[in-house]
Amino acid sequence: MGDLQATQLRKGTTIVFEGTPFRVLDFEHRTPGNKRGFVQTKLRNLLDGAQREVKFAAGDFVDRAVIDTREMDYLYEDGSGAVFMDVENYEQVTLGEQLMRDAKPWLSEGMRILIEMLDGNPIGLQLPKTIEMTIAETEAVVKGQTAARSNKPATLENGVAVQVPPFINAGDRVKVDPVDNRYVERVK
């Protein structure tokens, strides 16, 4: 019997399902009419990146996956993936393309991040909550324009598109949330 009830699953939780580690990408606890409740989840396989949807009964139990995190510096990218160095013992680890997923554009040389390890093998990474970037291009604001539109599109120095407030201009430094590709604030 597992140590985590299905109704306790949340986005980001890591579990072992059918002998394989998975991360919960999305979940919804449903209680349809006079039927028993269940939890509909979208899971990502931490070993190969494949996604699948799984339905758990509300009373089901699952095992929590024990994921260790190690602080590492991003060094460079080579033909086999991105190379990171452990800040404590200087050991180097390479993460392949399938483990990098959407993190690749956000990495910059020397950036300190957390590498997730399962049984001593890297299975993923956690980007910082916010990253400082420069706005490469955005629309100019016309003085006196009072349109109700609150945000405008902008492209960051890494090529990622985000929505920013009208007062942000090309060349401004901003903090963005790399997980949601969302503007947070202008750097002072």
N, C-alpha and C. Protein backbone atom coordinates (compact mmCIF):
# COMPACT_ATOMS: atom_id res chain seq x y z
N MET A 1 0.84 -1.19 0.00
CA MET A 1 0.00 0.00 0.00
C MET A 1 0.87 1.23 0.00
N GLY A 2 0.51 2.22 -0.79
CA GLY A 2 1.30 3.44 -0.92
C GLY A 2 1.16 4.36 0.28
N ASP A 3 1.95 5.40 0.30
CA ASP A 3 1.94 6.33 1.41
C ASP A 3 1.19 7.63 1.10
N LEU A 4 0.60 7.74 -0.10
CA LEU A 4 -0.06 8.97 -0.52
C LEU A 4 -1.41 8.63 -1.14
N GLN A 5 -2.48 9.18 -0.57
CA GLN A 5 -3.81 8.91 -1.12
C GLN A 5 -3.99 9.71 -2.41
N ALA A 6 -4.70 9.15 -3.37
CA ALA A 6 -4.88 9.78 -4.68
C ALA A 6 -5.46 11.19 -4.56
N THR A 7 -6.31 11.44 -3.58
CA THR A 7 -6.90 12.76 -3.41
C THR A 7 -5.89 13.79 -2.91
N GLN A 8 -4.70 13.34 -2.48
CA GLN A 8 -3.66 14.25 -2.02
C GLN A 8 -2.68 14.63 -3.13
N LEU A 9 -2.86 14.07 -4.32
CA LEU A 9 -1.97 14.41 -5.43
C LEU A 9 -2.13 15.87 -5.81
N ARG A 10 -1.03 16.50 -6.12
CA ARG A 10 -1.02 17.91 -6.53
C ARG A 10 -0.05 18.06 -7.70
N LYS A 11 -0.17 19.15 -8.41
CA LYS A 11 0.72 19.43 -9.53
C LYS A 11 2.16 19.48 -9.02
N GLY A 12 3.06 18.75 -9.67
CA GLY A 12 4.46 18.73 -9.28
C GLY A 12 4.84 17.57 -8.38
N THR A 13 3.86 16.85 -7.82
CA THR A 13 4.14 15.70 -6.97
C THR A 13 4.78 14.59 -7.80
N THR A 14 5.78 13.92 -7.25
CA THR A 14 6.42 12.80 -7.94
C THR A 14 5.97 11.51 -7.28
N ILE A 15 5.53 10.56 -8.12
CA ILE A 15 5.02 9.29 -7.61
C ILE A 15 5.64 8.13 -8.38
N VAL A 16 5.53 6.93 -7.82
CA VAL A 16 5.92 5.72 -8.53
C VAL A 16 4.61 5.02 -8.89
N PHE A 17 4.39 4.84 -10.20
CA PHE A 17 3.18 4.19 -10.69
C PHE A 17 3.60 3.08 -11.64
N GLU A 18 3.15 1.87 -11.37
CA GLU A 18 3.52 0.70 -12.16
C GLU A 18 5.04 0.55 -12.25
N GLY A 19 5.74 0.85 -11.14
CA GLY A 19 7.18 0.68 -11.06
C GLY A 19 8.01 1.75 -11.73
N THR A 20 7.37 2.80 -12.24
CA THR A 20 8.06 3.86 -12.96
C THR A 20 7.80 5.20 -12.28
N PRO A 21 8.83 6.07 -12.17
CA PRO A 21 8.60 7.38 -11.55
C PRO A 21 7.88 8.33 -12.52
N PHE A 22 6.88 9.04 -11.99
CA PHE A 22 6.10 10.00 -12.76
C PHE A 22 5.97 11.30 -11.98
N ARG A 23 5.81 12.41 -12.71
CA ARG A 23 5.49 13.69 -12.10
C ARG A 23 4.07 14.06 -12.51
N VAL A 24 3.29 14.54 -11.55
CA VAL A 24 1.92 14.96 -11.83
C VAL A 24 1.97 16.33 -12.52
N LEU A 25 1.49 16.38 -13.76
CA LEU A 25 1.44 17.64 -14.50
C LEU A 25 0.13 18.38 -14.25
N ASP A 26 -0.94 17.61 -14.09
CA ASP A 26 -2.25 18.21 -13.88
C ASP A 26 -3.12 17.19 -13.16
N PHE A 27 -4.07 17.64 -12.39
CA PHE A 27 -4.97 16.73 -11.69
C PHE A 27 -6.32 17.40 -11.52
N GLU A 28 -7.34 16.59 -11.39
CA GLU A 28 -8.68 17.11 -11.12
C GLU A 28 -9.43 16.07 -10.31
N HIS A 29 -9.91 16.49 -9.15
CA HIS A 29 -10.70 15.60 -8.30
C HIS A 29 -12.16 15.76 -8.72
N ARG A 30 -12.74 14.68 -9.21
CA ARG A 30 -14.12 14.73 -9.72
C ARG A 30 -15.03 13.86 -8.85
N THR A 31 -16.22 14.36 -8.60
CA THR A 31 -17.24 13.59 -7.88
C THR A 31 -18.54 13.69 -8.68
N PRO A 32 -18.71 12.83 -9.68
CA PRO A 32 -19.89 12.91 -10.55
C PRO A 32 -21.16 12.36 -9.90
N GLY A 33 -22.14 13.22 -9.70
CA GLY A 33 -23.48 12.83 -9.23
C GLY A 33 -23.48 11.78 -8.14
N ASN A 34 -24.12 10.66 -8.43
CA ASN A 34 -24.27 9.62 -7.42
C ASN A 34 -23.20 8.53 -7.55
N LYS A 35 -22.14 8.81 -8.28
CA LYS A 35 -21.07 7.83 -8.45
C LYS A 35 -19.92 8.13 -7.48
N ARG A 36 -19.00 7.21 -7.39
CA ARG A 36 -17.84 7.41 -6.51
C ARG A 36 -16.88 8.43 -7.12
N GLY A 37 -16.22 9.18 -6.25
CA GLY A 37 -15.26 10.18 -6.70
C GLY A 37 -14.00 9.54 -7.24
N PHE A 38 -13.30 10.28 -8.09
CA PHE A 38 -12.04 9.81 -8.64
C PHE A 38 -11.14 11.01 -8.92
N VAL A 39 -9.86 10.73 -9.16
CA VAL A 39 -8.88 11.77 -9.47
C VAL A 39 -8.34 11.49 -10.87
N GLN A 40 -8.58 12.43 -11.79
CA GLN A 40 -8.07 12.33 -13.15
C GLN A 40 -6.74 13.07 -13.19
N THR A 41 -5.67 12.38 -13.61
CA THR A 41 -4.34 13.00 -13.60
C THR A 41 -3.70 12.93 -14.98
N LYS A 42 -2.81 13.87 -15.20
CA LYS A 42 -1.93 13.82 -16.38
C LYS A 42 -0.54 13.68 -15.80
N LEU A 43 0.15 12.60 -16.19
CA LEU A 43 1.46 12.27 -15.63
C LEU A 43 2.53 12.31 -16.71
N ARG A 44 3.77 12.68 -16.30
CA ARG A 44 4.92 12.62 -17.21
C ARG A 44 5.91 11.61 -16.65
N ASN A 45 6.28 10.65 -17.49
CA ASN A 45 7.27 9.65 -17.13
C ASN A 45 8.61 10.36 -16.97
N LEU A 46 9.24 10.24 -15.81
CA LEU A 46 10.49 10.94 -15.55
C LEU A 46 11.69 10.30 -16.24
N LEU A 47 11.53 9.09 -16.76
CA LEU A 47 12.65 8.43 -17.43
C LEU A 47 12.68 8.70 -18.93
N ASP A 48 11.52 8.71 -19.57
CA ASP A 48 11.51 8.92 -21.03
C ASP A 48 10.71 10.14 -21.48
N GLY A 49 10.06 10.85 -20.56
CA GLY A 49 9.34 12.07 -20.91
C GLY A 49 7.95 11.86 -21.48
N ALA A 50 7.53 10.60 -21.66
CA ALA A 50 6.20 10.33 -22.21
C ALA A 50 5.11 10.76 -21.23
N GLN A 51 4.01 11.26 -21.78
CA GLN A 51 2.88 11.68 -20.95
C GLN A 51 1.74 10.69 -21.09
N ARG A 52 0.99 10.55 -20.02
CA ARG A 52 -0.20 9.71 -20.07
C ARG A 52 -1.20 10.19 -19.04
N GLU A 53 -2.47 9.85 -19.31
CA GLU A 53 -3.53 10.20 -18.38
C GLU A 53 -3.92 8.95 -17.61
N VAL A 54 -4.07 9.13 -16.29
CA VAL A 54 -4.40 8.01 -15.42
C VAL A 54 -5.53 8.44 -14.50
N LYS A 55 -6.49 7.55 -14.32
CA LYS A 55 -7.63 7.80 -13.43
C LYS A 55 -7.46 6.93 -12.19
N PHE A 56 -7.43 7.58 -11.01
CA PHE A 56 -7.32 6.88 -9.74
C PHE A 56 -8.65 6.99 -9.01
N ALA A 57 -9.07 5.92 -8.33
CA ALA A 57 -10.23 6.00 -7.45
C ALA A 57 -9.84 6.87 -6.26
N ALA A 58 -10.80 7.55 -5.68
CA ALA A 58 -10.51 8.46 -4.56
C ALA A 58 -9.84 7.74 -3.41
N GLY A 59 -10.12 6.47 -3.22
CA GLY A 59 -9.53 5.71 -2.11
C GLY A 59 -8.21 5.03 -2.44
N ASP A 60 -7.73 5.15 -3.68
CA ASP A 60 -6.46 4.52 -4.07
C ASP A 60 -5.28 5.18 -3.36
N PHE A 61 -4.23 4.40 -3.15
CA PHE A 61 -2.99 4.91 -2.59
C PHE A 61 -1.87 4.70 -3.59
N VAL A 62 -0.93 5.64 -3.66
CA VAL A 62 0.23 5.52 -4.54
C VAL A 62 1.49 5.78 -3.72
N ASP A 63 2.62 5.33 -4.24
CA ASP A 63 3.90 5.55 -3.56
C ASP A 63 4.50 6.87 -4.02
N ARG A 64 5.00 7.62 -3.08
CA ARG A 64 5.70 8.86 -3.39
C ARG A 64 7.12 8.51 -3.85
N ALA A 65 7.57 9.08 -4.95
CA ALA A 65 8.94 8.85 -5.43
C ALA A 65 9.90 9.73 -4.63
N VAL A 66 10.99 9.15 -4.17
CA VAL A 66 11.98 9.90 -3.41
C VAL A 66 12.98 10.49 -4.40
N ILE A 67 12.87 11.80 -4.60
CA ILE A 67 13.72 12.52 -5.54
C ILE A 67 14.69 13.38 -4.73
N ASP A 68 15.98 13.18 -4.98
CA ASP A 68 17.00 14.03 -4.35
C ASP A 68 17.30 15.18 -5.29
N THR A 69 17.60 16.34 -4.73
CA THR A 69 18.01 17.46 -5.57
C THR A 69 19.42 17.86 -5.19
N ARG A 70 20.21 18.17 -6.22
CA ARG A 70 21.59 18.61 -6.00
C ARG A 70 21.79 19.94 -6.72
N GLU A 71 22.43 20.85 -6.02
CA GLU A 71 22.70 22.17 -6.59
C GLU A 71 23.86 22.06 -7.56
N MET A 72 23.63 22.52 -8.80
CA MET A 72 24.66 22.42 -9.83
C MET A 72 24.70 23.70 -10.67
N ASP A 73 25.88 23.92 -11.28
CA ASP A 73 26.06 25.04 -12.20
C ASP A 73 25.99 24.53 -13.63
N TYR A 74 25.30 25.29 -14.49
CA TYR A 74 25.25 24.95 -15.91
C TYR A 74 26.57 25.38 -16.53
N LEU A 75 27.25 24.45 -17.24
CA LEU A 75 28.54 24.75 -17.84
C LEU A 75 28.42 25.05 -19.33
N TYR A 76 27.95 24.08 -20.11
CA TYR A 76 27.88 24.24 -21.56
C TYR A 76 27.01 23.14 -22.14
N GLU A 77 26.78 23.22 -23.45
CA GLU A 77 26.03 22.19 -24.14
C GLU A 77 26.95 21.53 -25.16
N ASP A 78 26.90 20.20 -25.19
CA ASP A 78 27.67 19.48 -26.20
C ASP A 78 26.70 18.62 -27.02
N GLY A 79 27.21 17.75 -27.84
CA GLY A 79 26.38 16.95 -28.72
C GLY A 79 25.43 16.00 -28.00
N SER A 80 25.77 15.62 -26.78
CA SER A 80 24.92 14.66 -26.06
C SER A 80 23.94 15.32 -25.10
N GLY A 81 24.04 16.61 -24.88
CA GLY A 81 23.12 17.31 -23.99
C GLY A 81 23.80 18.45 -23.24
N ALA A 82 23.18 18.88 -22.15
CA ALA A 82 23.69 19.98 -21.34
C ALA A 82 24.53 19.42 -20.19
N VAL A 83 25.68 20.04 -19.94
CA VAL A 83 26.61 19.57 -18.91
C VAL A 83 26.52 20.48 -17.69
N PHE A 84 26.35 19.85 -16.52
CA PHE A 84 26.24 20.55 -15.24
C PHE A 84 27.31 20.05 -14.30
N MET A 85 27.74 20.92 -13.36
CA MET A 85 28.76 20.54 -12.39
C MET A 85 28.22 20.71 -10.98
N ASP A 86 28.37 19.67 -10.18
CA ASP A 86 27.95 19.69 -8.78
C ASP A 86 28.82 20.71 -8.04
N VAL A 87 28.19 21.60 -7.28
CA VAL A 87 28.95 22.66 -6.59
C VAL A 87 29.69 22.14 -5.36
N GLU A 88 29.34 20.95 -4.86
CA GLU A 88 30.02 20.41 -3.69
C GLU A 88 31.22 19.55 -4.04
N ASN A 89 31.05 18.61 -4.99
CA ASN A 89 32.15 17.68 -5.27
C ASN A 89 32.71 17.83 -6.69
N TYR A 90 32.25 18.81 -7.44
CA TYR A 90 32.74 19.13 -8.79
C TYR A 90 32.51 18.00 -9.80
N GLU A 91 31.64 17.06 -9.47
CA GLU A 91 31.29 15.98 -10.39
C GLU A 91 30.42 16.56 -11.52
N GLN A 92 30.65 16.10 -12.75
CA GLN A 92 29.88 16.60 -13.89
C GLN A 92 28.82 15.60 -14.31
N VAL A 93 27.64 16.13 -14.68
CA VAL A 93 26.50 15.32 -15.10
C VAL A 93 25.98 15.90 -16.40
N THR A 94 25.59 15.03 -17.34
CA THR A 94 25.03 15.48 -18.60
C THR A 94 23.55 15.11 -18.66
N LEU A 95 22.72 16.10 -18.96
CA LEU A 95 21.28 15.87 -19.15
C LEU A 95 20.99 15.86 -20.63
N GLY A 96 20.34 14.82 -21.13
CA GLY A 96 19.97 14.71 -22.53
C GLY A 96 18.81 15.61 -22.90
N GLU A 97 18.54 15.71 -24.20
CA GLU A 97 17.48 16.57 -24.72
C GLU A 97 16.12 16.26 -24.09
N GLN A 98 15.78 14.97 -23.95
CA GLN A 98 14.45 14.62 -23.45
C GLN A 98 14.26 15.06 -22.00
N LEU A 99 15.34 15.16 -21.23
CA LEU A 99 15.23 15.61 -19.84
C LEU A 99 15.21 17.13 -19.72
N MET A 100 15.70 17.82 -20.74
CA MET A 100 15.76 19.29 -20.71
C MET A 100 14.39 19.91 -20.96
N ARG A 101 13.63 19.32 -21.86
CA ARG A 101 12.30 19.78 -22.24
C ARG A 101 12.30 21.28 -22.52
N ASP A 102 11.48 22.02 -21.78
CA ASP A 102 11.29 23.45 -22.06
C ASP A 102 12.33 24.34 -21.37
N ALA A 103 13.28 23.77 -20.66
CA ALA A 103 14.25 24.56 -19.89
C ALA A 103 15.38 25.11 -20.75
N LYS A 104 15.62 24.52 -21.89
CA LYS A 104 16.79 24.85 -22.70
C LYS A 104 16.96 26.35 -23.00
N PRO A 105 15.93 27.07 -23.44
CA PRO A 105 16.15 28.49 -23.74
C PRO A 105 16.48 29.34 -22.51
N TRP A 106 16.17 28.86 -21.34
CA TRP A 106 16.37 29.65 -20.12
C TRP A 106 17.77 29.50 -19.53
N LEU A 107 18.53 28.51 -19.96
CA LEU A 107 19.84 28.26 -19.38
C LEU A 107 20.88 29.25 -19.88
N SER A 108 21.70 29.73 -18.98
CA SER A 108 22.82 30.58 -19.36
C SER A 108 24.05 30.10 -18.58
N GLU A 109 25.21 30.28 -19.16
CA GLU A 109 26.45 29.77 -18.58
C GLU A 109 26.63 30.28 -17.15
N GLY A 110 26.94 29.35 -16.24
CA GLY A 110 27.16 29.70 -14.84
C GLY A 110 25.90 29.73 -14.00
N MET A 111 24.73 29.53 -14.61
CA MET A 111 23.47 29.57 -13.86
C MET A 111 23.42 28.41 -12.88
N ARG A 112 23.01 28.70 -11.66
CA ARG A 112 22.89 27.68 -10.62
C ARG A 112 21.45 27.18 -10.59
N ILE A 113 21.29 25.85 -10.74
CA ILE A 113 19.96 25.26 -10.72
C ILE A 113 19.98 23.99 -9.88
N LEU A 114 18.81 23.40 -9.69
CA LEU A 114 18.70 22.15 -8.95
C LEU A 114 18.47 21.02 -9.94
N ILE A 115 19.31 20.00 -9.87
CA ILE A 115 19.17 18.81 -10.70
C ILE A 115 18.47 17.75 -9.85
N GLU A 116 17.42 17.15 -10.40
CA GLU A 116 16.69 16.10 -9.69
C GLU A 116 17.34 14.75 -9.97
N MET A 117 17.57 13.99 -8.91
CA MET A 117 18.23 12.69 -9.02
C MET A 117 17.32 11.60 -8.45
N LEU A 118 17.27 10.47 -9.15
CA LEU A 118 16.55 9.30 -8.68
C LEU A 118 17.53 8.13 -8.75
N ASP A 119 17.81 7.54 -7.61
CA ASP A 119 18.77 6.43 -7.53
C ASP A 119 20.12 6.81 -8.13
N GLY A 120 20.57 8.05 -7.92
CA GLY A 120 21.88 8.51 -8.39
C GLY A 120 21.93 8.92 -9.85
N ASN A 121 20.81 8.83 -10.57
CA ASN A 121 20.77 9.23 -11.99
C ASN A 121 19.95 10.49 -12.16
N PRO A 122 20.41 11.43 -13.01
CA PRO A 122 19.65 12.65 -13.22
C PRO A 122 18.37 12.36 -14.01
N ILE A 123 17.26 12.94 -13.54
CA ILE A 123 15.98 12.73 -14.23
C ILE A 123 15.30 14.03 -14.63
N GLY A 124 15.88 15.17 -14.25
CA GLY A 124 15.27 16.44 -14.60
C GLY A 124 15.95 17.58 -13.88
N LEU A 125 15.38 18.77 -14.05
CA LEU A 125 15.94 19.95 -13.40
C LEU A 125 14.84 20.89 -12.97
N GLN A 126 15.17 21.75 -12.02
CA GLN A 126 14.25 22.77 -11.54
C GLN A 126 14.90 24.12 -11.81
N LEU A 127 14.24 24.92 -12.63
CA LEU A 127 14.72 26.27 -12.90
C LEU A 127 14.42 27.17 -11.70
N PRO A 128 15.14 28.29 -11.57
CA PRO A 128 14.81 29.25 -10.51
C PRO A 128 13.38 29.78 -10.70
N LYS A 129 12.79 30.29 -9.63
CA LYS A 129 11.42 30.84 -9.71
C LYS A 129 11.34 32.01 -10.68
N THR A 130 12.37 32.86 -10.68
CA THR A 130 12.42 33.98 -11.62
C THR A 130 13.81 34.09 -12.23
N ILE A 131 13.85 34.58 -13.46
CA ILE A 131 15.12 34.78 -14.17
C ILE A 131 15.11 36.18 -14.76
N GLU A 132 16.24 36.88 -14.64
CA GLU A 132 16.35 38.22 -15.23
C GLU A 132 16.74 38.10 -16.69
N MET A 133 16.00 38.79 -17.55
CA MET A 133 16.27 38.78 -18.99
C MET A 133 16.10 40.20 -19.53
N THR A 134 16.66 40.42 -20.73
CA THR A 134 16.51 41.70 -21.42
C THR A 134 15.45 41.56 -22.51
N ILE A 135 14.62 42.58 -22.65
CA ILE A 135 13.61 42.59 -23.71
C ILE A 135 14.33 42.89 -25.02
N ALA A 136 14.25 41.97 -25.98
CA ALA A 136 14.91 42.16 -27.28
C ALA A 136 14.07 43.08 -28.16
N GLU A 137 12.78 42.83 -28.21
CA GLU A 137 11.90 43.69 -29.00
C GLU A 137 10.48 43.65 -28.47
N THR A 138 9.79 44.76 -28.65
CA THR A 138 8.39 44.89 -28.26
C THR A 138 7.79 46.06 -29.02
N GLU A 139 6.48 46.14 -29.03
CA GLU A 139 5.80 47.24 -29.70
C GLU A 139 6.04 48.53 -28.95
N ALA A 140 6.15 49.61 -29.70
CA ALA A 140 6.26 50.93 -29.07
C ALA A 140 4.87 51.38 -28.64
N VAL A 141 4.80 52.09 -27.53
CA VAL A 141 3.53 52.61 -27.05
C VAL A 141 3.32 54.00 -27.64
N VAL A 142 2.16 54.22 -28.21
CA VAL A 142 1.83 55.53 -28.78
C VAL A 142 1.34 56.41 -27.64
N LYS A 143 1.95 57.59 -27.50
CA LYS A 143 1.59 58.50 -26.41
C LYS A 143 0.14 58.92 -26.54
N GLY A 144 -0.55 58.88 -25.43
CA GLY A 144 -1.94 59.28 -25.43
C GLY A 144 -2.90 58.17 -25.79
N GLN A 145 -2.36 57.03 -26.17
CA GLN A 145 -3.21 55.90 -26.51
C GLN A 145 -3.84 55.37 -25.23
N THR A 146 -5.15 55.29 -25.21
CA THR A 146 -5.83 54.87 -23.99
C THR A 146 -6.65 53.61 -24.23
N ALA A 147 -6.19 52.76 -25.09
CA ALA A 147 -6.90 51.51 -25.36
C ALA A 147 -6.95 50.67 -24.09
N ALA A 148 -7.95 49.84 -23.99
CA ALA A 148 -8.14 49.02 -22.79
C ALA A 148 -7.16 47.85 -22.71
N ARG A 149 -6.42 47.61 -23.77
CA ARG A 149 -5.50 46.47 -23.75
C ARG A 149 -4.45 46.68 -22.67
N SER A 150 -4.31 45.71 -21.80
CA SER A 150 -3.42 45.90 -20.66
C SER A 150 -1.98 45.45 -20.91
N ASN A 151 -1.78 44.44 -21.74
CA ASN A 151 -0.44 43.93 -21.98
C ASN A 151 -0.13 43.93 -23.47
N LYS A 152 1.15 43.84 -23.80
CA LYS A 152 1.58 43.78 -25.19
C LYS A 152 2.59 42.66 -25.35
N PRO A 153 2.74 42.10 -26.55
CA PRO A 153 3.71 41.03 -26.75
C PRO A 153 5.14 41.56 -26.77
N ALA A 154 6.06 40.75 -26.26
CA ALA A 154 7.48 41.11 -26.26
C ALA A 154 8.28 39.84 -26.46
N THR A 155 9.47 40.00 -27.05
CA THR A 155 10.38 38.88 -27.23
C THR A 155 11.60 39.11 -26.36
N LEU A 156 11.95 38.09 -25.57
CA LEU A 156 13.12 38.19 -24.70
C LEU A 156 14.39 37.89 -25.48
N GLU A 157 15.55 38.14 -24.86
CA GLU A 157 16.85 37.91 -25.50
C GLU A 157 17.06 36.45 -25.89
N ASN A 158 16.35 35.52 -25.23
CA ASN A 158 16.49 34.10 -25.55
C ASN A 158 15.47 33.64 -26.59
N GLY A 159 14.65 34.56 -27.11
CA GLY A 159 13.69 34.24 -28.15
C GLY A 159 12.32 33.84 -27.66
N VAL A 160 12.12 33.77 -26.35
CA VAL A 160 10.83 33.39 -25.79
C VAL A 160 9.88 34.59 -25.80
N ALA A 161 8.64 34.36 -26.19
CA ALA A 161 7.63 35.43 -26.23
C ALA A 161 6.88 35.48 -24.90
N VAL A 162 6.68 36.70 -24.37
CA VAL A 162 5.92 36.91 -23.15
C VAL A 162 5.02 38.13 -23.34
N GLN A 163 4.05 38.28 -22.47
CA GLN A 163 3.21 39.47 -22.45
C GLN A 163 3.74 40.39 -21.35
N VAL A 164 3.92 41.68 -21.69
CA VAL A 164 4.46 42.64 -20.72
C VAL A 164 3.54 43.86 -20.65
N PRO A 165 3.62 44.64 -19.57
CA PRO A 165 2.83 45.87 -19.47
C PRO A 165 3.28 46.89 -20.51
N PRO A 166 2.41 47.86 -20.82
CA PRO A 166 2.73 48.85 -21.86
C PRO A 166 3.97 49.70 -21.60
N PHE A 167 4.37 49.89 -20.33
CA PHE A 167 5.51 50.76 -20.03
C PHE A 167 6.87 50.08 -20.25
N ILE A 168 6.89 48.80 -20.57
CA ILE A 168 8.14 48.08 -20.82
C ILE A 168 8.59 48.33 -22.26
N ASN A 169 9.88 48.65 -22.44
CA ASN A 169 10.43 48.94 -23.76
C ASN A 169 11.57 47.98 -24.09
N ALA A 170 11.95 47.94 -25.35
CA ALA A 170 13.09 47.12 -25.77
C ALA A 170 14.34 47.60 -25.02
N GLY A 171 15.13 46.67 -24.53
CA GLY A 171 16.34 47.00 -23.78
C GLY A 171 16.13 46.97 -22.28
N ASP A 172 14.89 46.98 -21.81
CA ASP A 172 14.61 46.92 -20.37
C ASP A 172 14.94 45.54 -19.83
N ARG A 173 15.42 45.49 -18.57
CA ARG A 173 15.64 44.22 -17.88
C ARG A 173 14.39 43.89 -17.08
N VAL A 174 13.93 42.65 -17.21
CA VAL A 174 12.72 42.24 -16.50
C VAL A 174 12.96 40.89 -15.84
N LYS A 175 12.15 40.60 -14.83
CA LYS A 175 12.14 39.28 -14.21
C LYS A 175 10.96 38.52 -14.81
N VAL A 176 11.22 37.26 -15.20
CA VAL A 176 10.16 36.44 -15.76
C VAL A 176 10.12 35.09 -15.03
N ASP A 177 8.95 34.49 -15.04
CA ASP A 177 8.76 33.16 -14.48
C ASP A 177 8.99 32.17 -15.63
N PRO A 178 10.09 31.37 -15.59
CA PRO A 178 10.40 30.50 -16.71
C PRO A 178 9.45 29.31 -16.87
N VAL A 179 8.75 28.94 -15.82
CA VAL A 179 7.83 27.81 -15.90
C VAL A 179 6.57 28.19 -16.68
N ASP A 180 6.04 29.39 -16.41
CA ASP A 180 4.81 29.84 -17.06
C ASP A 180 5.07 30.83 -18.19
N ASN A 181 6.34 31.14 -18.50
CA ASN A 181 6.68 32.16 -19.51
C ASN A 181 5.89 33.44 -19.23
N ARG A 182 5.99 33.94 -18.01
CA ARG A 182 5.18 35.06 -17.56
C ARG A 182 6.05 36.17 -16.98
N TYR A 183 5.72 37.41 -17.36
CA TYR A 183 6.38 38.59 -16.82
C TYR A 183 6.06 38.71 -15.34
N VAL A 184 7.07 39.05 -14.51
CA VAL A 184 6.87 39.23 -13.09
C VAL A 184 7.00 40.70 -12.71
N GLU A 185 8.18 41.31 -13.03
CA GLU A 185 8.38 42.72 -12.72
C GLU A 185 9.59 43.25 -13.49
N ARG A 186 9.68 44.57 -13.53
CA ARG A 186 10.85 45.21 -14.16
C ARG A 186 11.96 45.26 -13.12
N VAL A 187 13.19 45.02 -13.56
CA VAL A 187 14.35 45.07 -12.66
C VAL A 187 14.70 46.53 -12.44
N LYS A 188 14.89 46.87 -11.16
CA LYS A 188 15.19 48.28 -10.82
C LYS A 188 16.64 48.58 -10.95
